[in-house]
Amino acid sequence: GRDGAVRLAAADQPDIVAGLTALDRGDTEQALAHLVDAVRVAGPELREDLRAMLLGVFAQLGEHHPLATKFRRRLAQALY
């Protein structure tokens, strides 16, 4: 939710910063790449926030959007 977005905005992690910046610019592919990389090194709470944010982006793109398909797979690999 809202708290997660606030925590992410405050996170001092280069991939999160770059990902959020790219998202603001509308560069979705770049944003997803950074945010999925951030998942790999994030602690449990931030990881959950990132996962929620990524799922939100996938939902906006649409389930069958090529970027959603590609990065959903990458997210699964990063999480497990």
N, C-alpha and C. Protein backbone atom coordinates (compact mmCIF):
# COMPACT_ATOMS: atom_id res chain seq x y z
N GLY A 1 0.82 -1.21 0.00
CA GLY A 1 0.00 0.00 0.00
C GLY A 1 0.85 1.25 0.00
N ARG A 2 0.25 2.30 0.48
CA ARG A 2 0.88 3.62 0.52
C ARG A 2 2.21 3.59 1.29
N ASP A 3 2.24 2.89 2.43
CA ASP A 3 3.45 2.82 3.24
C ASP A 3 4.61 2.23 2.46
N GLY A 4 4.31 1.19 1.70
CA GLY A 4 5.33 0.53 0.90
C GLY A 4 5.96 1.50 -0.09
N ALA A 5 5.12 2.30 -0.73
CA ALA A 5 5.61 3.28 -1.70
C ALA A 5 6.50 4.31 -1.01
N VAL A 6 6.09 4.70 0.20
CA VAL A 6 6.87 5.67 0.97
C VAL A 6 8.22 5.07 1.35
N ARG A 7 8.21 3.81 1.82
CA ARG A 7 9.47 3.15 2.18
C ARG A 7 10.39 3.03 0.97
N LEU A 8 9.81 2.69 -0.18
CA LEU A 8 10.63 2.57 -1.39
C LEU A 8 11.23 3.91 -1.77
N ALA A 9 10.43 4.96 -1.69
CA ALA A 9 10.91 6.30 -2.05
C ALA A 9 12.05 6.72 -1.14
N ALA A 10 12.04 6.24 0.11
CA ALA A 10 13.06 6.62 1.08
C ALA A 10 14.27 5.69 1.04
N ALA A 11 14.14 4.58 0.31
CA ALA A 11 15.21 3.57 0.30
C ALA A 11 16.45 4.13 -0.39
N ASP A 12 17.58 3.94 0.26
CA ASP A 12 18.82 4.47 -0.29
C ASP A 12 19.54 3.35 -1.04
N GLN A 13 18.88 2.84 -2.04
CA GLN A 13 19.46 1.73 -2.80
C GLN A 13 19.45 2.13 -4.28
N PRO A 14 20.60 2.14 -4.92
CA PRO A 14 20.71 2.69 -6.28
C PRO A 14 19.68 2.13 -7.26
N ASP A 15 19.44 0.82 -7.22
CA ASP A 15 18.49 0.23 -8.17
C ASP A 15 17.06 0.70 -7.92
N ILE A 16 16.72 0.92 -6.65
CA ILE A 16 15.37 1.41 -6.35
C ILE A 16 15.22 2.85 -6.83
N VAL A 17 16.23 3.66 -6.52
CA VAL A 17 16.21 5.06 -6.96
C VAL A 17 16.09 5.14 -8.48
N ALA A 18 16.94 4.37 -9.17
CA ALA A 18 16.94 4.38 -10.64
C ALA A 18 15.60 3.86 -11.19
N GLY A 19 15.07 2.82 -10.53
CA GLY A 19 13.81 2.24 -10.98
C GLY A 19 12.65 3.21 -10.85
N LEU A 20 12.57 3.88 -9.71
CA LEU A 20 11.48 4.85 -9.49
C LEU A 20 11.62 6.04 -10.44
N THR A 21 12.85 6.47 -10.69
CA THR A 21 13.09 7.58 -11.61
C THR A 21 12.65 7.20 -13.03
N ALA A 22 13.00 5.99 -13.44
CA ALA A 22 12.61 5.52 -14.77
C ALA A 22 11.10 5.40 -14.88
N LEU A 23 10.46 4.96 -13.79
CA LEU A 23 9.01 4.83 -13.78
C LEU A 23 8.36 6.21 -13.96
N ASP A 24 8.89 7.20 -13.27
CA ASP A 24 8.38 8.58 -13.41
C ASP A 24 8.52 9.08 -14.84
N ARG A 25 9.62 8.69 -15.48
CA ARG A 25 9.88 9.11 -16.86
C ARG A 25 9.00 8.37 -17.85
N GLY A 26 8.39 7.28 -17.39
CA GLY A 26 7.59 6.47 -18.30
C GLY A 26 8.41 5.42 -19.02
N ASP A 27 9.63 5.20 -18.55
CA ASP A 27 10.49 4.18 -19.14
C ASP A 27 10.29 2.87 -18.37
N THR A 28 9.20 2.19 -18.70
CA THR A 28 8.77 1.03 -17.91
C THR A 28 9.79 -0.10 -17.93
N GLU A 29 10.35 -0.39 -19.10
CA GLU A 29 11.27 -1.53 -19.19
C GLU A 29 12.50 -1.30 -18.31
N GLN A 30 13.05 -0.09 -18.38
CA GLN A 30 14.21 0.27 -17.56
C GLN A 30 13.85 0.18 -16.07
N ALA A 31 12.68 0.68 -15.73
CA ALA A 31 12.22 0.66 -14.34
C ALA A 31 12.11 -0.77 -13.82
N LEU A 32 11.49 -1.63 -14.60
CA LEU A 32 11.31 -3.02 -14.18
C LEU A 32 12.66 -3.71 -14.01
N ALA A 33 13.58 -3.45 -14.91
CA ALA A 33 14.90 -4.07 -14.82
C ALA A 33 15.58 -3.69 -13.50
N HIS A 34 15.54 -2.40 -13.17
CA HIS A 34 16.16 -1.93 -11.92
C HIS A 34 15.45 -2.50 -10.70
N LEU A 35 14.12 -2.48 -10.72
CA LEU A 35 13.37 -2.90 -9.53
C LEU A 35 13.52 -4.39 -9.27
N VAL A 36 13.58 -5.18 -10.34
CA VAL A 36 13.79 -6.63 -10.15
C VAL A 36 15.20 -6.88 -9.61
N ASP A 37 16.19 -6.13 -10.10
CA ASP A 37 17.54 -6.26 -9.55
C ASP A 37 17.55 -5.89 -8.07
N ALA A 38 16.78 -4.88 -7.70
CA ALA A 38 16.72 -4.44 -6.31
C ALA A 38 16.15 -5.54 -5.41
N VAL A 39 15.21 -6.31 -5.94
CA VAL A 39 14.60 -7.40 -5.17
C VAL A 39 15.67 -8.39 -4.69
N ARG A 40 16.65 -8.64 -5.55
CA ARG A 40 17.68 -9.64 -5.23
C ARG A 40 18.46 -9.29 -3.97
N VAL A 41 18.62 -8.01 -3.68
CA VAL A 41 19.46 -7.61 -2.55
C VAL A 41 18.66 -6.98 -1.40
N ALA A 42 17.36 -6.81 -1.58
CA ALA A 42 16.54 -6.14 -0.57
C ALA A 42 16.29 -7.05 0.63
N GLY A 43 16.10 -6.44 1.78
CA GLY A 43 15.67 -7.17 2.97
C GLY A 43 14.21 -7.54 2.82
N PRO A 44 13.68 -8.35 3.76
CA PRO A 44 12.32 -8.89 3.64
C PRO A 44 11.23 -7.84 3.46
N GLU A 45 11.30 -6.75 4.22
CA GLU A 45 10.23 -5.75 4.14
C GLU A 45 10.25 -5.01 2.81
N LEU A 46 11.44 -4.55 2.42
CA LEU A 46 11.57 -3.85 1.15
C LEU A 46 11.25 -4.77 -0.01
N ARG A 47 11.64 -6.02 0.12
CA ARG A 47 11.38 -7.00 -0.94
C ARG A 47 9.87 -7.14 -1.18
N GLU A 48 9.13 -7.15 -0.08
CA GLU A 48 7.67 -7.24 -0.18
C GLU A 48 7.10 -5.98 -0.84
N ASP A 49 7.65 -4.82 -0.48
CA ASP A 49 7.21 -3.55 -1.09
C ASP A 49 7.50 -3.55 -2.59
N LEU A 50 8.69 -4.03 -2.94
CA LEU A 50 9.08 -4.08 -4.35
C LEU A 50 8.17 -5.02 -5.13
N ARG A 51 7.91 -6.17 -4.51
CA ARG A 51 7.05 -7.16 -5.18
C ARG A 51 5.67 -6.56 -5.45
N ALA A 52 5.12 -5.87 -4.43
CA ALA A 52 3.81 -5.25 -4.59
C ALA A 52 3.83 -4.18 -5.69
N MET A 53 4.89 -3.39 -5.71
CA MET A 53 4.99 -2.35 -6.72
C MET A 53 5.10 -2.96 -8.12
N LEU A 54 5.92 -4.00 -8.25
CA LEU A 54 6.09 -4.65 -9.55
C LEU A 54 4.77 -5.26 -10.02
N LEU A 55 4.04 -5.90 -9.11
CA LEU A 55 2.75 -6.48 -9.49
C LEU A 55 1.79 -5.39 -9.94
N GLY A 56 1.88 -4.23 -9.31
CA GLY A 56 1.06 -3.10 -9.73
C GLY A 56 1.39 -2.65 -11.14
N VAL A 57 2.67 -2.61 -11.45
CA VAL A 57 3.10 -2.21 -12.80
C VAL A 57 2.63 -3.25 -13.82
N PHE A 58 2.78 -4.53 -13.46
CA PHE A 58 2.31 -5.60 -14.37
C PHE A 58 0.81 -5.44 -14.64
N ALA A 59 0.05 -5.13 -13.60
CA ALA A 59 -1.40 -4.97 -13.74
C ALA A 59 -1.72 -3.80 -14.67
N GLN A 60 -0.96 -2.72 -14.56
CA GLN A 60 -1.19 -1.57 -15.43
C GLN A 60 -0.86 -1.91 -16.88
N LEU A 61 0.19 -2.68 -17.07
CA LEU A 61 0.59 -3.06 -18.43
C LEU A 61 -0.44 -3.99 -19.05
N GLY A 62 -1.03 -4.84 -18.21
CA GLY A 62 -1.92 -5.89 -18.70
C GLY A 62 -1.19 -7.22 -18.63
N GLU A 63 -1.88 -8.26 -18.21
CA GLU A 63 -1.26 -9.56 -17.94
C GLU A 63 -0.47 -10.11 -19.13
N HIS A 64 -0.92 -9.80 -20.34
CA HIS A 64 -0.32 -10.45 -21.51
C HIS A 64 0.68 -9.55 -22.23
N HIS A 65 0.97 -8.42 -21.63
CA HIS A 65 1.96 -7.51 -22.20
C HIS A 65 3.33 -8.19 -22.15
N PRO A 66 4.12 -8.10 -23.23
CA PRO A 66 5.42 -8.77 -23.28
C PRO A 66 6.33 -8.42 -22.09
N LEU A 67 6.33 -7.15 -21.68
CA LEU A 67 7.17 -6.76 -20.55
C LEU A 67 6.69 -7.42 -19.26
N ALA A 68 5.39 -7.51 -19.09
CA ALA A 68 4.84 -8.14 -17.89
C ALA A 68 5.25 -9.61 -17.84
N THR A 69 5.15 -10.28 -18.98
CA THR A 69 5.52 -11.69 -19.06
C THR A 69 6.99 -11.90 -18.75
N LYS A 70 7.84 -11.08 -19.38
CA LYS A 70 9.29 -11.20 -19.23
C LYS A 70 9.73 -10.94 -17.79
N PHE A 71 9.22 -9.86 -17.21
CA PHE A 71 9.72 -9.46 -15.89
C PHE A 71 9.03 -10.22 -14.76
N ARG A 72 7.84 -10.74 -15.02
CA ARG A 72 7.20 -11.60 -14.02
C ARG A 72 8.07 -12.84 -13.79
N ARG A 73 8.60 -13.38 -14.88
CA ARG A 73 9.48 -14.55 -14.80
C ARG A 73 10.77 -14.17 -14.04
N ARG A 74 11.32 -13.01 -14.36
CA ARG A 74 12.54 -12.55 -13.69
C ARG A 74 12.31 -12.31 -12.20
N LEU A 75 11.14 -11.78 -11.89
CA LEU A 75 10.81 -11.52 -10.48
C LEU A 75 10.73 -12.85 -9.72
N ALA A 76 10.10 -13.83 -10.33
CA ALA A 76 9.99 -15.15 -9.69
C ALA A 76 11.38 -15.71 -9.42
N GLN A 77 12.30 -15.55 -10.36
CA GLN A 77 13.67 -16.06 -10.16
C GLN A 77 14.38 -15.28 -9.06
N ALA A 78 14.12 -13.99 -8.98
CA ALA A 78 14.78 -13.16 -7.97
C ALA A 78 14.26 -13.49 -6.57
N LEU A 79 13.00 -13.87 -6.49
CA LEU A 79 12.38 -14.14 -5.18
C LEU A 79 12.72 -15.52 -4.64
N TYR A 80 12.95 -16.49 -5.56
CA TYR A 80 13.07 -17.86 -5.06
C TYR A 80 14.40 -18.52 -5.36
